[in-house]
N, C-alpha and C. Protein backbone atom coordinates (compact mmCIF):
# COMPACT_ATOMS: atom_id res chain seq x y z
N MET A 1 -44.44 33.79 -16.75
CA MET A 1 -44.27 33.82 -15.32
C MET A 1 -45.01 32.65 -14.66
N GLU A 2 -46.17 32.33 -15.19
CA GLU A 2 -46.96 31.21 -14.67
C GLU A 2 -46.24 29.88 -14.84
N ARG A 3 -45.58 29.80 -16.02
CA ARG A 3 -44.78 28.56 -16.29
C ARG A 3 -43.66 28.37 -15.30
N LEU A 4 -42.98 29.48 -15.00
CA LEU A 4 -41.85 29.42 -14.03
C LEU A 4 -42.36 29.04 -12.68
N ALA A 5 -43.50 29.59 -12.22
CA ALA A 5 -44.06 29.23 -10.95
C ALA A 5 -44.49 27.75 -10.91
N ALA A 6 -45.06 27.27 -12.00
CA ALA A 6 -45.44 25.86 -12.08
C ALA A 6 -44.23 24.98 -12.06
N LEU A 7 -43.18 25.36 -12.74
CA LEU A 7 -41.93 24.55 -12.76
C LEU A 7 -41.33 24.50 -11.32
N ILE A 8 -41.27 25.62 -10.65
CA ILE A 8 -40.71 25.65 -9.33
C ILE A 8 -41.57 24.77 -8.35
N ALA A 9 -42.88 24.87 -8.48
CA ALA A 9 -43.74 24.08 -7.63
C ALA A 9 -43.57 22.56 -7.92
N LEU A 10 -43.41 22.21 -9.19
CA LEU A 10 -43.21 20.81 -9.53
C LEU A 10 -41.86 20.31 -8.96
N CYS A 11 -40.80 21.08 -9.10
CA CYS A 11 -39.52 20.70 -8.54
C CYS A 11 -39.61 20.51 -7.06
N PHE A 12 -40.23 21.43 -6.35
CA PHE A 12 -40.37 21.37 -4.89
C PHE A 12 -41.15 20.14 -4.53
N LEU A 13 -42.27 19.84 -5.18
CA LEU A 13 -43.09 18.69 -4.90
C LEU A 13 -42.35 17.39 -5.14
N SER A 14 -41.56 17.30 -6.19
CA SER A 14 -40.72 16.12 -6.46
C SER A 14 -39.72 15.88 -5.38
N ALA A 15 -39.03 16.95 -4.96
CA ALA A 15 -38.04 16.79 -3.89
C ALA A 15 -38.66 16.41 -2.59
N THR A 16 -39.82 16.90 -2.29
CA THR A 16 -40.56 16.57 -1.06
C THR A 16 -40.99 15.08 -1.10
N LEU A 17 -41.48 14.61 -2.21
CA LEU A 17 -41.92 13.22 -2.31
C LEU A 17 -40.77 12.27 -2.20
N VAL A 18 -39.62 12.55 -2.83
CA VAL A 18 -38.43 11.72 -2.75
C VAL A 18 -37.94 11.68 -1.30
N GLY A 19 -37.87 12.82 -0.64
CA GLY A 19 -37.43 12.83 0.78
C GLY A 19 -38.37 12.10 1.65
N ALA A 20 -39.67 12.21 1.43
CA ALA A 20 -40.62 11.52 2.27
C ALA A 20 -40.57 10.01 2.05
N HIS A 21 -40.35 9.62 0.83
CA HIS A 21 -40.28 8.17 0.49
C HIS A 21 -39.09 7.49 1.17
N SER A 22 -37.92 8.12 1.14
CA SER A 22 -36.71 7.45 1.58
C SER A 22 -36.34 7.73 3.05
N SER A 23 -36.97 8.67 3.66
CA SER A 23 -36.51 9.06 5.00
C SER A 23 -36.60 7.96 6.06
N GLY A 24 -37.60 7.04 5.92
CA GLY A 24 -37.76 6.01 6.92
C GLY A 24 -37.05 4.72 6.63
N ASN A 25 -36.50 4.58 5.46
CA ASN A 25 -35.84 3.36 5.06
C ASN A 25 -34.44 3.24 5.77
N PRO A 26 -34.12 2.06 6.20
CA PRO A 26 -32.75 1.91 6.79
C PRO A 26 -31.76 1.80 5.66
N PHE A 27 -30.52 2.09 5.98
CA PHE A 27 -29.39 1.88 5.06
C PHE A 27 -28.91 0.43 5.14
N LEU A 28 -28.38 -0.09 4.05
CA LEU A 28 -27.72 -1.36 4.06
C LEU A 28 -26.27 -1.15 3.63
N VAL A 29 -25.34 -1.47 4.56
CA VAL A 29 -23.93 -1.29 4.29
C VAL A 29 -23.34 -2.63 3.93
N LYS A 30 -22.69 -2.67 2.76
CA LYS A 30 -22.13 -3.95 2.25
C LYS A 30 -20.66 -3.81 1.99
N GLY A 31 -19.91 -4.87 2.26
CA GLY A 31 -18.48 -4.88 1.99
C GLY A 31 -17.92 -6.28 2.21
N LYS A 32 -16.59 -6.40 2.17
CA LYS A 32 -15.92 -7.66 2.30
C LYS A 32 -14.72 -7.51 3.22
N ALA A 33 -14.38 -8.65 3.88
CA ALA A 33 -13.13 -8.69 4.71
C ALA A 33 -12.30 -9.85 4.13
N TYR A 34 -10.96 -9.60 4.04
CA TYR A 34 -10.09 -10.57 3.40
C TYR A 34 -8.78 -10.74 4.14
N CYS A 35 -8.12 -11.82 3.79
CA CYS A 35 -6.73 -12.01 4.29
C CYS A 35 -5.76 -11.68 3.15
N ASP A 36 -4.86 -10.77 3.37
CA ASP A 36 -3.81 -10.42 2.41
C ASP A 36 -2.70 -11.43 2.51
N THR A 37 -2.80 -12.53 1.79
CA THR A 37 -1.93 -13.68 1.94
C THR A 37 -0.51 -13.42 1.46
N CYS A 38 -0.29 -12.27 0.74
CA CYS A 38 1.07 -11.93 0.29
C CYS A 38 1.62 -10.67 1.00
N ASN A 39 0.81 -10.13 1.94
CA ASN A 39 1.21 -8.93 2.69
C ASN A 39 1.69 -7.78 1.78
N CYS A 40 0.94 -7.58 0.69
CA CYS A 40 1.30 -6.51 -0.25
C CYS A 40 0.46 -5.28 -0.12
N GLY A 41 -0.60 -5.33 0.69
CA GLY A 41 -1.39 -4.13 0.92
C GLY A 41 -2.60 -4.00 0.00
N PHE A 42 -2.81 -4.95 -0.85
CA PHE A 42 -3.95 -4.90 -1.76
C PHE A 42 -4.38 -6.30 -2.12
N GLU A 43 -5.59 -6.43 -2.71
CA GLU A 43 -6.08 -7.73 -3.09
C GLU A 43 -5.41 -8.26 -4.30
N THR A 44 -5.15 -9.54 -4.30
CA THR A 44 -4.49 -10.22 -5.43
C THR A 44 -5.32 -11.51 -5.77
N THR A 45 -4.82 -12.27 -6.70
CA THR A 45 -5.48 -13.53 -7.04
C THR A 45 -5.36 -14.54 -5.93
N ALA A 46 -4.44 -14.33 -4.97
CA ALA A 46 -4.25 -15.23 -3.83
C ALA A 46 -5.06 -14.78 -2.59
N THR A 47 -5.71 -13.66 -2.67
CA THR A 47 -6.49 -13.15 -1.55
C THR A 47 -7.55 -14.18 -1.12
N LYS A 48 -7.63 -14.32 0.21
CA LYS A 48 -8.61 -15.23 0.76
C LYS A 48 -9.67 -14.43 1.51
N TYR A 49 -10.92 -14.53 1.10
CA TYR A 49 -12.02 -13.82 1.78
C TYR A 49 -12.40 -14.62 3.02
N LEU A 50 -12.64 -13.90 4.11
CA LEU A 50 -12.76 -14.50 5.43
C LEU A 50 -14.22 -14.65 5.87
N ALA A 51 -14.62 -15.87 6.12
CA ALA A 51 -15.89 -16.14 6.75
C ALA A 51 -15.75 -15.99 8.27
N GLY A 52 -16.72 -15.28 8.85
CA GLY A 52 -16.67 -15.14 10.32
C GLY A 52 -15.85 -13.96 10.85
N ALA A 53 -15.39 -13.09 9.99
CA ALA A 53 -14.67 -11.91 10.44
C ALA A 53 -15.69 -10.97 11.07
N ARG A 54 -15.28 -10.32 12.17
CA ARG A 54 -16.14 -9.33 12.83
C ARG A 54 -15.77 -7.94 12.39
N VAL A 55 -16.76 -7.16 12.05
CA VAL A 55 -16.60 -5.76 11.67
C VAL A 55 -17.56 -4.93 12.50
N GLN A 56 -17.31 -3.66 12.55
CA GLN A 56 -18.23 -2.75 13.31
C GLN A 56 -18.31 -1.39 12.57
N ILE A 57 -19.52 -0.89 12.50
CA ILE A 57 -19.72 0.47 12.03
C ILE A 57 -19.58 1.40 13.25
N GLN A 58 -18.74 2.37 13.12
CA GLN A 58 -18.52 3.36 14.17
C GLN A 58 -18.81 4.73 13.59
N CYS A 59 -19.73 5.49 14.25
CA CYS A 59 -20.05 6.84 13.80
C CYS A 59 -19.63 7.78 14.92
N ARG A 60 -18.98 8.89 14.49
CA ARG A 60 -18.54 9.88 15.48
C ARG A 60 -19.06 11.26 15.06
N ASP A 61 -19.37 12.01 16.08
CA ASP A 61 -19.87 13.40 15.85
C ASP A 61 -18.80 14.18 15.04
N ILE A 62 -19.25 14.85 14.04
CA ILE A 62 -18.31 15.51 13.13
C ILE A 62 -17.57 16.68 13.83
N LYS A 63 -18.15 17.25 14.86
CA LYS A 63 -17.52 18.35 15.60
C LYS A 63 -16.71 17.94 16.80
N THR A 64 -17.23 16.99 17.59
CA THR A 64 -16.55 16.61 18.82
C THR A 64 -15.78 15.32 18.75
N ASN A 65 -15.99 14.56 17.70
CA ASN A 65 -15.38 13.24 17.53
C ASN A 65 -15.86 12.20 18.55
N ALA A 66 -16.88 12.55 19.30
CA ALA A 66 -17.45 11.59 20.24
C ALA A 66 -18.19 10.47 19.56
N LEU A 67 -17.99 9.25 20.02
CA LEU A 67 -18.67 8.09 19.45
C LEU A 67 -20.18 8.23 19.72
N THR A 68 -20.99 8.18 18.62
CA THR A 68 -22.42 8.42 18.72
C THR A 68 -23.24 7.14 18.37
N TYR A 69 -22.59 6.20 17.66
CA TYR A 69 -23.36 5.04 17.18
C TYR A 69 -22.42 3.92 16.82
N THR A 70 -22.77 2.70 17.19
CA THR A 70 -21.99 1.55 16.74
C THR A 70 -23.01 0.41 16.43
N ILE A 71 -22.60 -0.44 15.51
CA ILE A 71 -23.36 -1.67 15.25
C ILE A 71 -22.38 -2.69 14.66
N ASP A 72 -22.52 -3.93 15.11
CA ASP A 72 -21.58 -4.98 14.74
C ASP A 72 -22.17 -5.81 13.56
N GLY A 73 -21.22 -6.43 12.85
CA GLY A 73 -21.57 -7.35 11.78
C GLY A 73 -20.54 -8.47 11.66
N VAL A 74 -20.90 -9.50 10.95
CA VAL A 74 -20.07 -10.67 10.77
C VAL A 74 -20.11 -11.07 9.30
N THR A 75 -18.99 -11.46 8.75
CA THR A 75 -19.02 -11.85 7.34
C THR A 75 -19.56 -13.30 7.11
N ASN A 76 -20.13 -13.47 5.95
CA ASN A 76 -20.65 -14.76 5.59
C ASN A 76 -19.59 -15.67 5.00
N SER A 77 -19.97 -16.78 4.42
CA SER A 77 -19.01 -17.72 3.83
C SER A 77 -18.22 -17.19 2.69
N GLU A 78 -18.66 -16.06 2.06
CA GLU A 78 -17.94 -15.45 0.96
C GLU A 78 -17.12 -14.21 1.41
N GLY A 79 -17.07 -14.02 2.75
CA GLY A 79 -16.34 -12.90 3.28
C GLY A 79 -17.10 -11.57 3.22
N GLU A 80 -18.42 -11.64 2.90
CA GLU A 80 -19.24 -10.43 2.74
C GLU A 80 -20.03 -10.13 4.01
N TYR A 81 -20.16 -8.87 4.31
CA TYR A 81 -21.07 -8.48 5.42
C TYR A 81 -22.15 -7.57 4.87
N ASN A 82 -23.28 -7.62 5.52
CA ASN A 82 -24.44 -6.73 5.21
C ASN A 82 -24.97 -6.29 6.54
N ILE A 83 -24.84 -4.99 6.79
CA ILE A 83 -25.26 -4.42 8.07
C ILE A 83 -26.33 -3.39 7.84
N VAL A 84 -27.46 -3.55 8.54
CA VAL A 84 -28.59 -2.61 8.46
C VAL A 84 -28.37 -1.53 9.49
N VAL A 85 -28.46 -0.26 9.04
CA VAL A 85 -28.32 0.91 9.88
C VAL A 85 -29.62 1.70 9.82
N ASN A 86 -30.29 1.85 10.92
CA ASN A 86 -31.48 2.66 11.00
C ASN A 86 -31.16 4.10 11.32
N GLY A 87 -31.77 4.98 10.65
CA GLY A 87 -31.61 6.40 10.95
C GLY A 87 -30.54 7.05 10.08
N ASP A 88 -30.71 8.34 9.91
CA ASP A 88 -29.73 9.13 9.10
C ASP A 88 -28.65 9.60 10.03
N ARG A 89 -27.37 9.45 9.61
CA ARG A 89 -26.24 9.83 10.44
C ARG A 89 -25.56 11.02 9.82
N GLY A 90 -26.33 12.03 9.34
CA GLY A 90 -25.82 13.17 8.65
C GLY A 90 -24.88 14.03 9.42
N ASP A 91 -24.92 14.01 10.74
CA ASP A 91 -24.02 14.82 11.57
C ASP A 91 -22.78 14.06 12.01
N ASP A 92 -22.63 12.86 11.47
CA ASP A 92 -21.55 11.96 11.88
C ASP A 92 -20.62 11.61 10.75
N LEU A 93 -19.43 11.21 11.10
CA LEU A 93 -18.49 10.56 10.18
C LEU A 93 -18.52 9.09 10.56
N CYS A 94 -18.86 8.22 9.59
CA CYS A 94 -19.00 6.80 9.92
C CYS A 94 -17.99 5.96 9.14
N ASP A 95 -17.40 5.02 9.83
CA ASP A 95 -16.45 4.11 9.24
C ASP A 95 -16.85 2.66 9.60
N VAL A 96 -16.63 1.73 8.63
CA VAL A 96 -16.69 0.32 8.96
C VAL A 96 -15.26 -0.05 9.38
N VAL A 97 -15.09 -0.74 10.48
CA VAL A 97 -13.80 -1.05 11.05
C VAL A 97 -13.62 -2.54 11.28
N LEU A 98 -12.46 -3.08 10.92
CA LEU A 98 -12.15 -4.48 11.16
C LEU A 98 -11.99 -4.65 12.68
N MET A 99 -12.65 -5.66 13.24
CA MET A 99 -12.57 -5.92 14.69
C MET A 99 -11.77 -7.17 15.00
N LYS A 100 -12.10 -8.26 14.29
CA LYS A 100 -11.49 -9.55 14.66
C LYS A 100 -11.51 -10.50 13.48
N SER A 101 -10.35 -11.14 13.24
CA SER A 101 -10.27 -12.16 12.20
C SER A 101 -10.57 -13.55 12.76
N PRO A 102 -11.17 -14.42 11.99
CA PRO A 102 -11.40 -15.74 12.46
C PRO A 102 -10.16 -16.65 12.27
N ASP A 103 -9.18 -16.15 11.57
CA ASP A 103 -7.97 -16.89 11.24
C ASP A 103 -6.79 -16.34 12.03
N ARG A 104 -6.28 -17.14 12.97
CA ARG A 104 -5.22 -16.64 13.81
C ARG A 104 -3.91 -16.39 13.04
N ARG A 105 -3.80 -17.05 11.89
CA ARG A 105 -2.59 -16.89 11.02
C ARG A 105 -2.68 -15.63 10.16
N CYS A 106 -3.83 -15.00 10.20
CA CYS A 106 -4.09 -13.77 9.41
C CYS A 106 -4.98 -12.84 10.23
N SER A 107 -4.37 -12.22 11.25
CA SER A 107 -5.20 -11.50 12.23
C SER A 107 -4.71 -10.11 12.49
N ILE A 108 -3.74 -9.63 11.75
CA ILE A 108 -3.22 -8.25 11.95
C ILE A 108 -3.91 -7.32 10.97
N PRO A 109 -4.68 -6.37 11.46
CA PRO A 109 -5.36 -5.43 10.55
C PRO A 109 -4.32 -4.70 9.68
N ASN A 110 -4.62 -4.67 8.39
CA ASN A 110 -3.70 -4.02 7.43
C ASN A 110 -3.84 -2.52 7.51
N LYS A 111 -2.84 -1.86 7.99
CA LYS A 111 -2.89 -0.40 8.21
C LYS A 111 -3.25 0.29 6.87
N GLY A 112 -4.27 1.13 6.86
CA GLY A 112 -4.74 1.79 5.68
C GLY A 112 -5.83 1.01 4.94
N ARG A 113 -5.98 -0.24 5.25
CA ARG A 113 -7.09 -1.09 4.74
C ARG A 113 -7.88 -1.71 5.87
N ASP A 114 -7.78 -1.13 7.05
CA ASP A 114 -8.49 -1.66 8.21
C ASP A 114 -9.79 -0.95 8.52
N ARG A 115 -10.12 0.03 7.70
CA ARG A 115 -11.41 0.80 7.89
C ARG A 115 -11.84 1.35 6.55
N ALA A 116 -13.12 1.61 6.44
CA ALA A 116 -13.67 2.16 5.22
C ALA A 116 -14.76 3.16 5.57
N ARG A 117 -14.63 4.38 5.03
CA ARG A 117 -15.67 5.41 5.29
C ARG A 117 -16.91 5.10 4.50
N VAL A 118 -18.06 5.30 5.16
CA VAL A 118 -19.37 5.15 4.55
C VAL A 118 -20.21 6.38 4.87
N ILE A 119 -20.96 6.87 3.88
CA ILE A 119 -21.79 8.03 4.00
C ILE A 119 -23.20 7.55 4.33
N LEU A 120 -23.72 7.88 5.50
CA LEU A 120 -25.00 7.37 5.94
C LEU A 120 -25.99 8.51 6.13
N THR A 121 -26.16 9.26 5.07
CA THR A 121 -27.15 10.34 5.06
C THR A 121 -27.84 10.38 3.70
N ARG A 122 -29.02 10.91 3.65
CA ARG A 122 -29.73 11.03 2.38
C ARG A 122 -29.62 12.49 1.92
N ASN A 123 -28.98 13.35 2.66
CA ASN A 123 -28.85 14.73 2.31
C ASN A 123 -27.60 15.02 1.43
N ASN A 124 -27.42 14.13 0.45
CA ASN A 124 -26.28 14.25 -0.43
C ASN A 124 -26.54 13.89 -1.90
N GLY A 125 -27.82 13.66 -2.24
CA GLY A 125 -28.14 13.35 -3.62
C GLY A 125 -28.15 11.88 -3.96
N MET A 126 -27.63 11.02 -3.10
CA MET A 126 -27.62 9.59 -3.34
C MET A 126 -29.04 9.05 -3.11
N VAL A 127 -29.55 8.31 -4.12
CA VAL A 127 -30.93 7.81 -4.03
C VAL A 127 -31.05 6.44 -3.36
N SER A 128 -30.04 5.60 -3.61
CA SER A 128 -30.07 4.24 -3.06
C SER A 128 -29.90 4.16 -1.58
N ASP A 129 -30.52 3.17 -0.94
CA ASP A 129 -30.34 2.96 0.50
C ASP A 129 -29.09 2.02 0.72
N ILE A 130 -28.50 1.53 -0.34
CA ILE A 130 -27.34 0.63 -0.19
C ILE A 130 -26.05 1.46 -0.27
N ARG A 131 -25.17 1.19 0.68
CA ARG A 131 -23.85 1.86 0.72
C ARG A 131 -22.80 0.75 0.59
N TYR A 132 -21.90 0.95 -0.28
CA TYR A 132 -20.79 -0.01 -0.48
C TYR A 132 -19.52 0.49 0.13
N ALA A 133 -18.96 -0.28 1.03
CA ALA A 133 -17.72 0.09 1.69
C ALA A 133 -16.53 -0.56 0.97
N ASN A 134 -15.39 0.07 0.92
CA ASN A 134 -14.20 -0.57 0.36
C ASN A 134 -13.90 -1.82 1.12
N ASN A 135 -13.37 -2.82 0.43
CA ASN A 135 -12.93 -4.05 1.10
C ASN A 135 -11.83 -3.77 2.09
N MET A 136 -11.84 -4.51 3.19
CA MET A 136 -10.84 -4.35 4.26
C MET A 136 -10.06 -5.61 4.49
N GLY A 137 -8.82 -5.47 4.89
CA GLY A 137 -7.99 -6.68 4.99
C GLY A 137 -7.12 -6.80 6.23
N PHE A 138 -6.90 -8.05 6.57
CA PHE A 138 -5.91 -8.49 7.57
C PHE A 138 -4.68 -8.95 6.90
N THR A 139 -3.51 -8.79 7.47
CA THR A 139 -2.30 -9.30 6.88
C THR A 139 -1.93 -10.67 7.49
N SER A 140 -1.33 -11.48 6.69
CA SER A 140 -0.93 -12.83 7.14
C SER A 140 0.36 -12.73 7.93
N LYS A 141 0.51 -13.59 8.92
CA LYS A 141 1.74 -13.62 9.71
C LYS A 141 2.91 -14.13 8.88
N GLU A 142 2.61 -15.00 7.91
CA GLU A 142 3.65 -15.50 7.00
C GLU A 142 3.09 -15.54 5.58
N PRO A 143 3.68 -14.80 4.64
CA PRO A 143 3.19 -14.76 3.25
C PRO A 143 3.34 -16.17 2.59
N LEU A 144 2.48 -16.41 1.61
CA LEU A 144 2.54 -17.63 0.89
C LEU A 144 3.87 -17.74 0.14
N ALA A 145 4.35 -18.95 -0.04
CA ALA A 145 5.61 -19.15 -0.81
C ALA A 145 5.48 -18.74 -2.22
N SER A 146 4.28 -18.77 -2.80
CA SER A 146 4.06 -18.41 -4.20
C SER A 146 3.86 -16.92 -4.46
N CYS A 147 4.03 -16.07 -3.49
CA CYS A 147 3.72 -14.64 -3.65
C CYS A 147 4.61 -13.98 -4.68
N ALA A 148 5.88 -14.36 -4.83
CA ALA A 148 6.75 -13.72 -5.82
C ALA A 148 6.14 -13.92 -7.23
N GLN A 149 5.64 -15.11 -7.52
CA GLN A 149 5.01 -15.38 -8.82
C GLN A 149 3.70 -14.63 -8.97
N ILE A 150 2.94 -14.57 -7.85
CA ILE A 150 1.65 -13.92 -7.89
C ILE A 150 1.80 -12.44 -8.14
N LEU A 151 2.82 -11.83 -7.56
CA LEU A 151 3.06 -10.38 -7.68
C LEU A 151 3.89 -9.96 -8.91
N ALA A 152 4.50 -10.94 -9.61
CA ALA A 152 5.37 -10.59 -10.76
C ALA A 152 4.65 -9.77 -11.80
N PRO A 153 3.40 -10.05 -12.18
CA PRO A 153 2.73 -9.21 -13.18
C PRO A 153 2.57 -7.74 -12.81
N TYR A 154 2.65 -7.44 -11.50
CA TYR A 154 2.49 -6.06 -11.03
C TYR A 154 3.78 -5.28 -11.20
N HIS A 155 4.90 -5.92 -11.51
CA HIS A 155 6.18 -5.25 -11.66
C HIS A 155 6.59 -4.46 -10.43
N LEU A 156 6.43 -5.03 -9.29
CA LEU A 156 6.82 -4.42 -8.04
C LEU A 156 8.27 -4.77 -7.71
N ASN A 157 8.98 -3.82 -7.15
CA ASN A 157 10.33 -4.05 -6.69
C ASN A 157 10.56 -3.22 -5.46
N ASP A 158 11.76 -3.24 -4.89
CA ASP A 158 12.03 -2.49 -3.68
C ASP A 158 11.92 -0.99 -3.88
N ASP A 159 12.05 -0.47 -5.07
CA ASP A 159 11.96 0.96 -5.31
C ASP A 159 10.52 1.50 -5.23
N ASN A 160 9.53 0.64 -5.57
CA ASN A 160 8.18 1.14 -5.55
C ASN A 160 7.20 0.33 -4.72
N PHE A 161 7.74 -0.54 -3.86
CA PHE A 161 6.86 -1.35 -3.03
C PHE A 161 7.32 -1.26 -1.61
């Protein structure tokens, strides 16, 4: 019985220390923005990552859907963004959203790839303060001439594309 009590106390102490250690740290949200140069809805070898694309984290109350938090970010020369989020957003649903492309020839947000859900709470077992968002893309106004060759290995046709 004493061993069980000691084990329970040890588990409780460990959980308390982990929570206390990470509760004040900000989250770092990382992701990329790209131009879908073949307008196929996914990244290919011809994908161009966009420097200077604007993105925004939007958090909404899980019950009312009211906007509770926003923070903006901009991609670097590799099309990557890193956004610091202070505070736990456990009562919110948060998405990174494409806002503006720096390339006027590739400025239409790709439906279904224009936002990425991120979990910004520590009440879920995740230890790291880094959150990785799915890459998001804009579609090109005119696909590259070489897209047929680029997409050939994917065996896409009108029946499944």
